[in-house]
Amino acid sequence: MKGKLRGYCLVVAIIALIGVSLIGCTSNTQDNPVAQEAPKQFINIASGGTTGTYFPIGGGFAEIWNKNIPGVSATVQSTAASIANINLLREGKVEAAICQNDAAYYANNGLLEIDKYDSIRGIATLYSEPYQFITLDKNIKSVADLKGKKISMGNIGSLARENNRSIFELEGIDIEKDVQSYYLSFAEAGGNLKDGVIDAFSDFVGLPVAAIQDVATQHQIYFIPVDGELRDKLIEKYPFYTKYTIPANTYKGQTEPVETIAVRSILVVDERMSEDLVYNMTKSIFENLDRVAASHAAGVNIKAETALNGMSVPLHSGAQKYFDEIK
């Protein structure tokens, strides 16, 4: 009987010890914030084609946020660029987007048949995106020479079509009637140009573009400039355009500088994103510019001192807080 009693007491003691141990573990986990896993904040960044500039830049941002903002899980998504990105952001399918400042302006104001999106907010403008227009035909020396030609106007869903329309119309060319328009990604356009399917392709994008580099390694490329009176008229009519010079030797065989126009890329979010999160996103980018520069050559042009140049939509309060701090 005594043996049974001792055994019973031993079992009770063991159960009691286990209970105390579990209570202690629970208490430690609740009291120790380090022991608790921070709730995940997913940030999917809408970028552009994998051979363009937005995709690697977006990848750089994702890596920075993952490393420097606790609880953040950021990824980059390949897309059809500006307009598509704004629509993804509007629909809540992504949490951040890179686009052109003109596209953001049109969306914020409901212009160009783009549904009004007045809750779009800027974090920072990034770098200038020059208009790059290349051909393999040395006889095409101006936009006016493109009448009747086969041209890729940019990816479906991007703003390239409207940008090209604004340029061509000042030379009296209707892109629906006077040229054969194609809507291809950079990689597709490069391949089609090499194969002779199209005569030229164009878009606004940061330097250098992998698709143009690829063509230039195999063929002599020729840039079609936007300069002189045409450029002056464009800037007067569309003030978000700026003058830009593509430096000589940006691409193989391009030995002379090219006069053209540019817009600026911009990182945007929805105004509903928390102020603290956007503040940390903004701060971590500008405190890790070496990583941004490593993501793509255009990244060296992303700087805090130029981050509000060309800001075409209201600034998010979190970004405003950061820029107020560094004034």
C-alpha atoms as a PDB file:
ATOM      1  CA  MET A   1       0.000   0.000   0.000  1.00  0.00           C
ATOM      2  CA  LYS A   2       2.806   2.370   0.938  1.00  0.00           C
ATOM      3  CA  GLY A   3       4.515   1.549  -2.337  1.00  0.00           C
ATOM      4  CA  LYS A   4       1.393   2.423  -4.280  1.00  0.00           C
ATOM      5  CA  LEU A   5       1.017   5.659  -2.330  1.00  0.00           C
ATOM      6  CA  ARG A   6       4.614   6.635  -3.009  1.00  0.00           C
ATOM      7  CA  GLY A   7       4.108   5.892  -6.712  1.00  0.00           C
ATOM      8  CA  TYR A   8       0.947   7.966  -6.794  1.00  0.00           C
ATOM      9  CA  CYS A   9       2.680  10.897  -5.093  1.00  0.00           C
ATOM     10  CA  LEU A  10       5.579  10.650  -7.545  1.00  0.00           C
ATOM     11  CA  VAL A  11       3.225  10.852 -10.536  1.00  0.00           C
ATOM     12  CA  VAL A  12       1.440  13.866  -9.023  1.00  0.00           C
ATOM     13  CA  ALA A  13       4.775  15.566  -8.391  1.00  0.00           C
ATOM     14  CA  ILE A  14       5.946  14.982 -11.966  1.00  0.00           C
ATOM     15  CA  ILE A  15       2.684  16.358 -13.369  1.00  0.00           C
ATOM     16  CA  ALA A  16       2.986  19.409 -11.144  1.00  0.00           C
ATOM     17  CA  LEU A  17       6.565  20.020 -12.271  1.00  0.00           C
ATOM     18  CA  ILE A  18       5.540  19.764 -15.935  1.00  0.00           C
ATOM     19  CA  GLY A  19       2.713  22.229 -15.343  1.00  0.00           C
ATOM     20  CA  VAL A  20       5.014  24.726 -13.662  1.00  0.00           C
ATOM     21  CA  SER A  21       7.514  24.324 -16.465  1.00  0.00           C
ATOM     22  CA  LEU A  22       4.853  24.978 -19.119  1.00  0.00           C
ATOM     23  CA  ILE A  23       3.524  27.996 -17.266  1.00  0.00           C
ATOM     24  CA  GLY A  24       7.060  29.337 -17.008  1.00  0.00           C
ATOM     25  CA  CYS A  25       7.665  28.880 -20.733  1.00  0.00           C
ATOM     26  CA  THR A  26       4.400  30.583 -21.601  1.00  0.00           C
ATOM     27  CA  SER A  27       5.158  33.438 -19.274  1.00  0.00           C
ATOM     28  CA  ASN A  28       8.653  33.895 -20.681  1.00  0.00           C
ATOM     29  CA  THR A  29       7.353  33.925 -24.254  1.00  0.00           C
ATOM     30  CA  GLN A  30       4.686  36.482 -23.440  1.00  0.00           C
ATOM     31  CA  ASP A  31       7.019  38.700 -21.407  1.00  0.00           C
ATOM     32  CA  ASN A  32       9.961  38.492 -23.791  1.00  0.00           C
ATOM     33  CA  PRO A  33       9.285  40.311 -27.078  1.00  0.00           C
ATOM     34  CA  VAL A  34      12.366  38.736 -28.639  1.00  0.00           C
ATOM     35  CA  ALA A  35      10.831  35.290 -28.127  1.00  0.00           C
ATOM     36  CA  GLN A  36       7.713  36.273 -30.057  1.00  0.00           C
ATOM     37  CA  GLU A  37       7.880  36.206 -33.820  1.00  0.00           C
ATOM     38  CA  ALA A  38       6.907  39.591 -35.282  1.00  0.00           C
ATOM     39  CA  PRO A  39       3.795  39.471 -37.485  1.00  0.00           C
ATOM     40  CA  LYS A  40       4.713  39.290 -41.143  1.00  0.00           C
ATOM     41  CA  GLN A  41       4.137  42.326 -43.332  1.00  0.00           C
ATOM     42  CA  PHE A  42       4.166  41.209 -46.963  1.00  0.00           C
ATOM     43  CA  ILE A  43       5.283  43.774 -49.525  1.00  0.00           C
ATOM     44  CA  ASN A  44       4.980  42.694 -53.147  1.00  0.00           C
ATOM     45  CA  ILE A  45       6.603  45.256 -55.462  1.00  0.00           C
ATOM     46  CA  ALA A  46       5.216  45.655 -58.985  1.00  0.00           C
ATOM     47  CA  SER A  47       8.151  46.389 -61.282  1.00  0.00           C
ATOM     48  CA  GLY A  48       8.535  45.720 -65.020  1.00  0.00           C
ATOM     49  CA  GLY A  49      10.009  43.241 -67.484  1.00  0.00           C
ATOM     50  CA  THR A  50      12.959  41.150 -66.294  1.00  0.00           C
ATOM     51  CA  THR A  51      15.269  42.685 -68.915  1.00  0.00           C
ATOM     52  CA  GLY A  52      14.318  46.265 -68.034  1.00  0.00           C
ATOM     53  CA  THR A  53      15.383  48.458 -65.103  1.00  0.00           C
ATOM     54  CA  TYR A  54      12.415  48.354 -62.704  1.00  0.00           C
ATOM     55  CA  PHE A  55      12.769  44.632 -61.971  1.00  0.00           C
ATOM     56  CA  PRO A  56      16.360  44.657 -60.656  1.00  0.00           C
ATOM     57  CA  ILE A  57      15.813  47.956 -58.827  1.00  0.00           C
ATOM     58  CA  GLY A  58      12.707  46.484 -57.205  1.00  0.00           C
ATOM     59  CA  GLY A  59      14.743  43.429 -56.251  1.00  0.00           C
ATOM     60  CA  GLY A  60      17.250  45.707 -54.542  1.00  0.00           C
ATOM     61  CA  PHE A  61      14.475  47.391 -52.549  1.00  0.00           C
ATOM     62  CA  ALA A  62      13.051  44.007 -51.515  1.00  0.00           C
ATOM     63  CA  GLU A  63      16.432  42.809 -50.270  1.00  0.00           C
ATOM     64  CA  ILE A  64      16.975  46.017 -48.278  1.00  0.00           C
ATOM     65  CA  TRP A  65      13.538  45.874 -46.648  1.00  0.00           C
ATOM     66  CA  ASN A  66      13.876  42.178 -45.799  1.00  0.00           C
ATOM     67  CA  LYS A  67      17.202  42.822 -44.126  1.00  0.00           C
ATOM     68  CA  ASN A  68      16.433  46.061 -42.309  1.00  0.00           C
ATOM     69  CA  ILE A  69      12.721  46.091 -41.371  1.00  0.00           C
ATOM     70  CA  PRO A  70      11.700  43.452 -38.785  1.00  0.00           C
ATOM     71  CA  GLY A  71       8.712  41.360 -39.824  1.00  0.00           C
ATOM     72  CA  VAL A  72       8.805  42.418 -43.482  1.00  0.00           C
ATOM     73  CA  SER A  73       8.744  39.850 -46.262  1.00  0.00           C
ATOM     74  CA  ALA A  74       9.268  41.676 -49.565  1.00  0.00           C
ATOM     75  CA  THR A  75       9.297  40.257 -53.071  1.00  0.00           C
ATOM     76  CA  VAL A  76       9.475  41.736 -56.560  1.00  0.00           C
ATOM     77  CA  GLN A  77       6.993  40.888 -59.319  1.00  0.00           C
ATOM     78  CA  SER A  78       7.651  41.154 -63.055  1.00  0.00           C
ATOM     79  CA  THR A  79       4.854  43.119 -64.757  1.00  0.00           C
ATOM     80  CA  ALA A  80       3.956  45.138 -67.840  1.00  0.00           C
ATOM     81  CA  ALA A  81       5.196  48.304 -66.067  1.00  0.00           C
ATOM     82  CA  SER A  82       3.651  51.688 -65.283  1.00  0.00           C
ATOM     83  CA  ILE A  83      -0.108  51.571 -65.936  1.00  0.00           C
ATOM     84  CA  ALA A  84      -0.341  47.881 -65.096  1.00  0.00           C
ATOM     85  CA  ASN A  85       1.537  48.558 -61.854  1.00  0.00           C
ATOM     86  CA  ILE A  86      -0.794  51.378 -60.846  1.00  0.00           C
ATOM     87  CA  ASN A  87      -3.812  49.151 -61.464  1.00  0.00           C
ATOM     88  CA  LEU A  88      -2.274  46.343 -59.386  1.00  0.00           C
ATOM     89  CA  LEU A  89      -1.685  48.805 -56.558  1.00  0.00           C
ATOM     90  CA  ARG A  90      -5.198  50.222 -56.852  1.00  0.00           C
ATOM     91  CA  GLU A  91      -6.671  46.696 -56.685  1.00  0.00           C
ATOM     92  CA  GLY A  92      -4.603  45.774 -53.620  1.00  0.00           C
ATOM     93  CA  LYS A  93      -2.740  43.025 -55.490  1.00  0.00           C
ATOM     94  CA  VAL A  94       0.628  44.609 -54.652  1.00  0.00           C
ATOM     95  CA  GLU A  95       1.743  46.841 -51.811  1.00  0.00           C
ATOM     96  CA  ALA A  96       4.259  49.002 -53.695  1.00  0.00           C
ATOM     97  CA  ALA A  97       4.921  49.868 -57.317  1.00  0.00           C
ATOM     98  CA  ILE A  98       7.514  51.513 -59.524  1.00  0.00           C
ATOM     99  CA  CYS A  99       6.147  53.598 -62.384  1.00  0.00           C
ATOM    100  CA  GLN A 100       6.767  56.738 -64.377  1.00  0.00           C
ATOM    101  CA  ASN A 101       5.939  60.114 -62.836  1.00  0.00           C
ATOM    102  CA  ASP A 102       3.671  60.978 -65.757  1.00  0.00           C
ATOM    103  CA  ALA A 103       1.665  57.768 -65.305  1.00  0.00           C
ATOM    104  CA  ALA A 104       1.239  58.494 -61.601  1.00  0.00           C
ATOM    105  CA  TYR A 105       0.130  62.041 -62.420  1.00  0.00           C
ATOM    106  CA  TYR A 106      -2.434  60.854 -64.984  1.00  0.00           C
ATOM    107  CA  ALA A 107      -3.823  58.279 -62.526  1.00  0.00           C
ATOM    108  CA  ASN A 108      -4.012  60.708 -59.615  1.00  0.00           C
ATOM    109  CA  ASN A 109      -5.959  63.143 -61.791  1.00  0.00           C
ATOM    110  CA  GLY A 110      -8.017  60.652 -63.821  1.00  0.00           C
ATOM    111  CA  LEU A 111      -6.568  61.690 -67.188  1.00  0.00           C
ATOM    112  CA  LEU A 112      -5.954  59.809 -70.446  1.00  0.00           C
ATOM    113  CA  GLU A 113      -8.893  57.481 -69.731  1.00  0.00           C
ATOM    114  CA  ILE A 114      -7.053  56.154 -66.657  1.00  0.00           C
ATOM    115  CA  ASP A 115      -9.463  55.639 -63.784  1.00  0.00           C
ATOM    116  CA  LYS A 116      -8.940  58.281 -61.106  1.00  0.00           C
ATOM    117  CA  TYR A 117      -6.809  56.965 -58.236  1.00  0.00           C
ATOM    118  CA  ASP A 118      -6.566  59.802 -55.761  1.00  0.00           C
ATOM    119  CA  SER A 119      -5.144  57.701 -52.907  1.00  0.00           C
ATOM    120  CA  ILE A 120      -1.878  56.959 -54.732  1.00  0.00           C
ATOM    121  CA  ARG A 121       1.060  58.342 -52.746  1.00  0.00           C
ATOM    122  CA  GLY A 122       4.726  58.847 -53.517  1.00  0.00           C
ATOM    123  CA  ILE A 123       7.705  57.604 -51.520  1.00  0.00           C
ATOM    124  CA  ALA A 124      10.443  59.032 -53.760  1.00  0.00           C
ATOM    125  CA  THR A 125      11.338  59.732 -57.356  1.00  0.00           C
ATOM    126  CA  LEU A 126      14.241  57.538 -58.345  1.00  0.00           C
ATOM    127  CA  TYR A 127      16.082  58.416 -61.547  1.00  0.00           C
ATOM    128  CA  SER A 128      15.520  59.913 -64.974  1.00  0.00           C
ATOM    129  CA  GLU A 129      14.157  57.604 -67.648  1.00  0.00           C
ATOM    130  CA  PRO A 130      15.332  58.814 -71.045  1.00  0.00           C
ATOM    131  CA  TYR A 131      13.444  58.074 -74.212  1.00  0.00           C
ATOM    132  CA  GLN A 132      15.553  55.481 -75.997  1.00  0.00           C
ATOM    133  CA  PHE A 133      14.645  54.859 -79.616  1.00  0.00           C
ATOM    134  CA  ILE A 134      16.872  52.497 -81.604  1.00  0.00           C
ATOM    135  CA  THR A 135      16.959  51.081 -85.094  1.00  0.00           C
ATOM    136  CA  LEU A 136      19.356  49.061 -87.254  1.00  0.00           C
ATOM    137  CA  ASP A 137      18.563  51.214 -90.302  1.00  0.00           C
ATOM    138  CA  LYS A 138      21.109  54.034 -90.651  1.00  0.00           C
ATOM    139  CA  ASN A 139      18.729  55.886 -92.968  1.00  0.00           C
ATOM    140  CA  ILE A 140      16.222  56.455 -90.145  1.00  0.00           C
ATOM    141  CA  LYS A 141      17.581  59.631 -88.578  1.00  0.00           C
ATOM    142  CA  SER A 142      14.498  61.280 -87.084  1.00  0.00           C
ATOM    143  CA  VAL A 143      10.983  60.551 -85.876  1.00  0.00           C
ATOM    144  CA  ALA A 144       9.673  61.952 -89.157  1.00  0.00           C
ATOM    145  CA  ASP A 145      11.547  59.178 -91.017  1.00  0.00           C
ATOM    146  CA  LEU A 146       9.454  56.511 -89.243  1.00  0.00           C
ATOM    147  CA  LYS A 147       6.278  57.031 -91.237  1.00  0.00           C
ATOM    148  CA  GLY A 148       5.213  53.682 -92.716  1.00  0.00           C
ATOM    149  CA  LYS A 149       7.651  51.707 -90.537  1.00  0.00           C
ATOM    150  CA  LYS A 150       7.053  48.804 -88.119  1.00  0.00           C
ATOM    151  CA  ILE A 151       7.675  49.955 -84.566  1.00  0.00           C
ATOM    152  CA  SER A 152       7.381  48.459 -81.086  1.00  0.00           C
ATOM    153  CA  MET A 153       5.779  51.121 -78.925  1.00  0.00           C
ATOM    154  CA  GLY A 154       6.492  49.360 -75.619  1.00  0.00           C
ATOM    155  CA  ASN A 155       4.852  46.692 -73.507  1.00  0.00           C
ATOM    156  CA  ILE A 156       1.069  46.289 -73.291  1.00  0.00           C
ATOM    157  CA  GLY A 157      -0.107  47.965 -70.097  1.00  0.00           C
ATOM    158  CA  SER A 158       2.707  50.511 -69.981  1.00  0.00           C
ATOM    159  CA  LEU A 159       2.374  54.211 -70.776  1.00  0.00           C
ATOM    160  CA  ALA A 160       4.665  53.901 -73.783  1.00  0.00           C
ATOM    161  CA  ARG A 161       1.814  54.063 -76.282  1.00  0.00           C
ATOM    162  CA  GLU A 162       0.618  57.442 -75.007  1.00  0.00           C
ATOM    163  CA  ASN A 163       4.173  58.745 -74.725  1.00  0.00           C
ATOM    164  CA  ASN A 164       4.870  57.753 -78.304  1.00  0.00           C
ATOM    165  CA  ARG A 165       1.576  59.220 -79.441  1.00  0.00           C
ATOM    166  CA  SER A 166       2.520  62.576 -77.891  1.00  0.00           C
ATOM    167  CA  ILE A 167       5.860  62.548 -79.716  1.00  0.00           C
ATOM    168  CA  PHE A 168       4.677  61.282 -83.094  1.00  0.00           C
ATOM    169  CA  GLU A 169       1.657  63.579 -83.295  1.00  0.00           C
ATOM    170  CA  LEU A 170       3.914  66.650 -83.203  1.00  0.00           C
ATOM    171  CA  GLU A 171       5.570  65.285 -86.353  1.00  0.00           C
ATOM    172  CA  GLY A 172       2.186  64.731 -87.995  1.00  0.00           C
ATOM    173  CA  ILE A 173       2.267  60.950 -87.615  1.00  0.00           C
ATOM    174  CA  ASP A 174      -0.783  58.981 -86.396  1.00  0.00           C
ATOM    175  CA  ILE A 175       0.500  55.850 -84.644  1.00  0.00           C
ATOM    176  CA  GLU A 176      -2.738  54.023 -85.471  1.00  0.00           C
ATOM    177  CA  LYS A 177      -2.686  54.795 -89.205  1.00  0.00           C
ATOM    178  CA  ASP A 178       0.735  55.951 -90.368  1.00  0.00           C
ATOM    179  CA  VAL A 179       2.923  53.244 -88.779  1.00  0.00           C
ATOM    180  CA  GLN A 180       2.544  49.554 -87.928  1.00  0.00           C
ATOM    181  CA  SER A 181       2.505  49.508 -84.136  1.00  0.00           C
ATOM    182  CA  TYR A 182       3.617  46.510 -82.080  1.00  0.00           C
ATOM    183  CA  TYR A 183       3.421  46.227 -78.282  1.00  0.00           C
ATOM    184  CA  LEU A 184       6.303  44.100 -77.073  1.00  0.00           C
ATOM    185  CA  SER A 185       8.431  43.673 -73.978  1.00  0.00           C
ATOM    186  CA  PHE A 186      12.058  44.800 -74.179  1.00  0.00           C
ATOM    187  CA  ALA A 187      13.294  41.259 -74.713  1.00  0.00           C
ATOM    188  CA  GLU A 188      10.675  40.588 -77.406  1.00  0.00           C
ATOM    189  CA  ALA A 189      11.387  43.895 -79.155  1.00  0.00           C
ATOM    190  CA  GLY A 190      15.128  43.234 -79.183  1.00  0.00           C
ATOM    191  CA  GLY A 191      14.637  39.802 -80.703  1.00  0.00           C
ATOM    192  CA  ASN A 192      12.187  41.085 -83.311  1.00  0.00           C
ATOM    193  CA  LEU A 193      14.516  43.930 -84.274  1.00  0.00           C
ATOM    194  CA  LYS A 194      17.414  41.515 -84.781  1.00  0.00           C
ATOM    195  CA  ASP A 195      15.171  39.256 -86.865  1.00  0.00           C
ATOM    196  CA  GLY A 196      13.953  42.131 -89.040  1.00  0.00           C
ATOM    197  CA  VAL A 197      10.325  41.811 -87.941  1.00  0.00           C
ATOM    198  CA  ILE A 198      10.277  45.441 -86.752  1.00  0.00           C
ATOM    199  CA  ASP A 199      12.260  48.487 -87.847  1.00  0.00           C
ATOM    200  CA  ALA A 200      12.678  50.200 -84.472  1.00  0.00           C
ATOM    201  CA  PHE A 201      11.672  50.069 -80.831  1.00  0.00           C
ATOM    202  CA  SER A 202      11.368  52.655 -78.112  1.00  0.00           C
ATOM    203  CA  ASP A 203      10.469  53.321 -74.503  1.00  0.00           C
ATOM    204  CA  PHE A 204      11.281  55.493 -71.519  1.00  0.00           C
ATOM    205  CA  VAL A 205      13.672  53.518 -69.326  1.00  0.00           C
ATOM    206  CA  GLY A 206      16.785  53.982 -67.201  1.00  0.00           C
ATOM    207  CA  LEU A 207      20.256  53.453 -68.614  1.00  0.00           C
ATOM    208  CA  PRO A 208      21.453  50.959 -69.663  1.00  0.00           C
ATOM    209  CA  VAL A 209      18.781  48.580 -71.002  1.00  0.00           C
ATOM    210  CA  ALA A 210      19.793  44.917 -71.220  1.00  0.00           C
ATOM    211  CA  ALA A 211      17.727  44.402 -74.389  1.00  0.00           C
ATOM    212  CA  ILE A 212      19.554  47.246 -76.171  1.00  0.00           C
ATOM    213  CA  GLN A 213      22.910  45.987 -74.905  1.00  0.00           C
ATOM    214  CA  ASP A 214      22.068  42.578 -76.350  1.00  0.00           C
ATOM    215  CA  VAL A 215      21.223  44.008 -79.784  1.00  0.00           C
ATOM    216  CA  ALA A 216      24.337  46.206 -79.744  1.00  0.00           C
ATOM    217  CA  THR A 217      26.651  43.231 -79.161  1.00  0.00           C
ATOM    218  CA  GLN A 218      25.516  41.726 -82.469  1.00  0.00           C
ATOM    219  CA  HIS A 219      24.567  44.698 -84.640  1.00  0.00           C
ATOM    220  CA  GLN A 220      25.408  48.350 -85.207  1.00  0.00           C
ATOM    221  CA  ILE A 221      22.603  50.265 -83.542  1.00  0.00           C
ATOM    222  CA  TYR A 222      21.460  53.790 -84.379  1.00  0.00           C
ATOM    223  CA  PHE A 223      19.605  56.090 -81.994  1.00  0.00           C
ATOM    224  CA  ILE A 224      16.739  58.250 -83.205  1.00  0.00           C
ATOM    225  CA  PRO A 225      17.075  61.592 -81.375  1.00  0.00           C
ATOM    226  CA  VAL A 226      14.325  63.816 -79.987  1.00  0.00           C
ATOM    227  CA  ASP A 227      15.873  67.252 -80.067  1.00  0.00           C
ATOM    228  CA  GLY A 228      15.589  70.796 -81.351  1.00  0.00           C
ATOM    229  CA  GLU A 229      12.150  72.196 -82.090  1.00  0.00           C
ATOM    230  CA  LEU A 230      10.395  68.860 -81.522  1.00  0.00           C
ATOM    231  CA  ARG A 231      11.815  68.579 -78.019  1.00  0.00           C
ATOM    232  CA  ASP A 232      10.979  72.184 -77.160  1.00  0.00           C
ATOM    233  CA  LYS A 233       7.377  71.706 -78.288  1.00  0.00           C
ATOM    234  CA  LEU A 234       7.043  68.506 -76.259  1.00  0.00           C
ATOM    235  CA  ILE A 235       8.313  70.086 -73.047  1.00  0.00           C
ATOM    236  CA  GLU A 236       6.073  73.101 -73.544  1.00  0.00           C
ATOM    237  CA  LYS A 237       2.990  70.916 -74.021  1.00  0.00           C
ATOM    238  CA  TYR A 238       3.882  68.193 -71.482  1.00  0.00           C
ATOM    239  CA  PRO A 239       5.845  69.789 -68.612  1.00  0.00           C
ATOM    240  CA  PHE A 240       6.722  66.460 -66.939  1.00  0.00           C
ATOM    241  CA  TYR A 241       9.172  65.853 -69.798  1.00  0.00           C
ATOM    242  CA  THR A 242      12.735  67.099 -69.333  1.00  0.00           C
ATOM    243  CA  LYS A 243      15.792  67.423 -71.576  1.00  0.00           C
ATOM    244  CA  TYR A 244      18.249  64.560 -71.382  1.00  0.00           C
ATOM    245  CA  THR A 245      21.509  63.547 -73.046  1.00  0.00           C
ATOM    246  CA  ILE A 246      22.412  59.865 -73.330  1.00  0.00           C
ATOM    247  CA  PRO A 247      26.210  59.846 -72.854  1.00  0.00           C
ATOM    248  CA  ALA A 248      28.425  58.561 -75.644  1.00  0.00           C
ATOM    249  CA  ASN A 249      29.478  54.916 -75.294  1.00  0.00           C
ATOM    250  CA  THR A 250      26.529  53.977 -73.090  1.00  0.00           C
ATOM    251  CA  TYR A 251      26.119  51.120 -75.561  1.00  0.00           C
ATOM    252  CA  LYS A 252      28.574  49.350 -77.821  1.00  0.00           C
ATOM    253  CA  GLY A 253      29.001  51.249 -81.082  1.00  0.00           C
ATOM    254  CA  GLN A 254      27.220  54.368 -79.811  1.00  0.00           C
ATOM    255  CA  THR A 255      30.150  56.764 -80.062  1.00  0.00           C
ATOM    256  CA  GLU A 256      28.202  60.054 -79.937  1.00  0.00           C
ATOM    257  CA  PRO A 257      25.899  61.486 -77.249  1.00  0.00           C
ATOM    258  CA  VAL A 258      22.167  61.364 -78.059  1.00  0.00           C
ATOM    259  CA  GLU A 259      19.830  64.278 -77.361  1.00  0.00           C
ATOM    260  CA  THR A 260      16.401  63.165 -76.167  1.00  0.00           C
ATOM    261  CA  ILE A 261      13.752  63.704 -73.476  1.00  0.00           C
ATOM    262  CA  ALA A 262      13.118  61.972 -70.158  1.00  0.00           C
ATOM    263  CA  VAL A 263      10.554  61.345 -67.436  1.00  0.00           C
ATOM    264  CA  ARG A 264      11.374  60.195 -63.879  1.00  0.00           C
ATOM    265  CA  SER A 265      10.626  56.867 -62.262  1.00  0.00           C
ATOM    266  CA  ILE A 266       8.774  56.986 -58.954  1.00  0.00           C
ATOM    267  CA  LEU A 267       8.145  54.538 -56.087  1.00  0.00           C
ATOM    268  CA  VAL A 268       4.503  54.664 -54.984  1.00  0.00           C
ATOM    269  CA  VAL A 269       2.213  53.060 -52.398  1.00  0.00           C
ATOM    270  CA  ASP A 270      -1.380  53.543 -51.275  1.00  0.00           C
ATOM    271  CA  GLU A 271      -2.114  56.179 -48.647  1.00  0.00           C
ATOM    272  CA  ARG A 272      -3.555  53.437 -46.394  1.00  0.00           C
ATOM    273  CA  MET A 273      -0.132  51.912 -45.799  1.00  0.00           C
ATOM    274  CA  SER A 274       0.968  52.716 -42.261  1.00  0.00           C
ATOM    275  CA  GLU A 275       3.088  55.799 -41.672  1.00  0.00           C
ATOM    276  CA  ASP A 276       5.646  53.871 -39.618  1.00  0.00           C
ATOM    277  CA  LEU A 277       6.118  51.214 -42.295  1.00  0.00           C
ATOM    278  CA  VAL A 278       6.546  53.750 -45.113  1.00  0.00           C
ATOM    279  CA  TYR A 279       8.949  55.758 -42.953  1.00  0.00           C
ATOM    280  CA  ASN A 280      11.080  52.628 -42.435  1.00  0.00           C
ATOM    281  CA  MET A 281      10.873  51.705 -46.115  1.00  0.00           C
ATOM    282  CA  THR A 282      12.044  55.180 -47.115  1.00  0.00           C
ATOM    283  CA  LYS A 283      14.762  55.398 -44.467  1.00  0.00           C
ATOM    284  CA  SER A 284      16.197  51.964 -45.226  1.00  0.00           C
ATOM    285  CA  ILE A 285      16.453  52.716 -48.961  1.00  0.00           C
ATOM    286  CA  PHE A 286      18.421  55.917 -48.486  1.00  0.00           C
ATOM    287  CA  GLU A 287      20.631  54.424 -45.787  1.00  0.00           C
ATOM    288  CA  ASN A 288      21.569  51.527 -48.090  1.00  0.00           C
ATOM    289  CA  LEU A 289      22.210  53.226 -51.408  1.00  0.00           C
ATOM    290  CA  ASP A 290      25.254  51.028 -52.016  1.00  0.00           C
ATOM    291  CA  ARG A 291      22.914  48.034 -52.300  1.00  0.00           C
ATOM    292  CA  VAL A 292      20.560  50.010 -54.567  1.00  0.00           C
ATOM    293  CA  ALA A 293      23.496  50.909 -56.832  1.00  0.00           C
ATOM    294  CA  ALA A 294      24.556  47.261 -56.933  1.00  0.00           C
ATOM    295  CA  SER A 295      21.131  46.179 -58.204  1.00  0.00           C
ATOM    296  CA  HIS A 296      21.403  48.087 -61.514  1.00  0.00           C
ATOM    297  CA  ALA A 297      23.586  50.795 -63.029  1.00  0.00           C
ATOM    298  CA  ALA A 298      20.649  53.239 -62.860  1.00  0.00           C
ATOM    299  CA  GLY A 299      20.676  52.822 -59.086  1.00  0.00           C
ATOM    300  CA  VAL A 300      23.654  55.170 -58.711  1.00  0.00           C
ATOM    301  CA  ASN A 301      21.316  58.029 -59.650  1.00  0.00           C
ATOM    302  CA  ILE A 302      18.917  57.381 -56.762  1.00  0.00           C
ATOM    303  CA  LYS A 303      19.719  60.010 -54.131  1.00  0.00           C
ATOM    304  CA  ALA A 304      17.898  61.607 -51.209  1.00  0.00           C
ATOM    305  CA  GLU A 305      18.711  65.099 -52.490  1.00  0.00           C
ATOM    306  CA  THR A 306      16.867  64.465 -55.776  1.00  0.00           C
ATOM    307  CA  ALA A 307      14.121  62.195 -54.410  1.00  0.00           C
ATOM    308  CA  LEU A 308      11.458  64.895 -54.559  1.00  0.00           C
ATOM    309  CA  ASN A 309      12.366  66.181 -58.038  1.00  0.00           C
ATOM    310  CA  GLY A 310       9.479  65.492 -60.370  1.00  0.00           C
ATOM    311  CA  MET A 311       7.222  64.225 -57.557  1.00  0.00           C
ATOM    312  CA  SER A 312       3.913  64.215 -59.415  1.00  0.00           C
ATOM    313  CA  VAL A 313       1.565  62.875 -56.694  1.00  0.00           C
ATOM    314  CA  PRO A 314       1.119  63.719 -52.991  1.00  0.00           C
ATOM    315  CA  LEU A 315       3.898  62.403 -50.761  1.00  0.00           C
ATOM    316  CA  HIS A 316       2.984  59.674 -48.255  1.00  0.00           C
ATOM    317  CA  SER A 317       3.139  60.961 -44.682  1.00  0.00           C
ATOM    318  CA  GLY A 318       5.747  58.320 -43.780  1.00  0.00           C
ATOM    319  CA  ALA A 319       8.051  59.476 -46.545  1.00  0.00           C
ATOM    320  CA  GLN A 320       7.373  63.107 -45.631  1.00  0.00           C
ATOM    321  CA  LYS A 321       8.452  62.346 -42.057  1.00  0.00           C
ATOM    322  CA  TYR A 322      11.764  60.945 -43.299  1.00  0.00           C
ATOM    323  CA  PHE A 323      12.547  63.834 -45.644  1.00  0.00           C
ATOM    324  CA  ASP A 324      11.640  66.365 -42.949  1.00  0.00           C
ATOM    325  CA  GLU A 325      14.176  64.673 -40.657  1.00  0.00           C
ATOM    326  CA  ILE A 326      17.080  64.920 -43.088  1.00  0.00           C
ATOM    327  CA  LYS A 327      16.517  68.531 -44.126  1.00  0.00           C
END
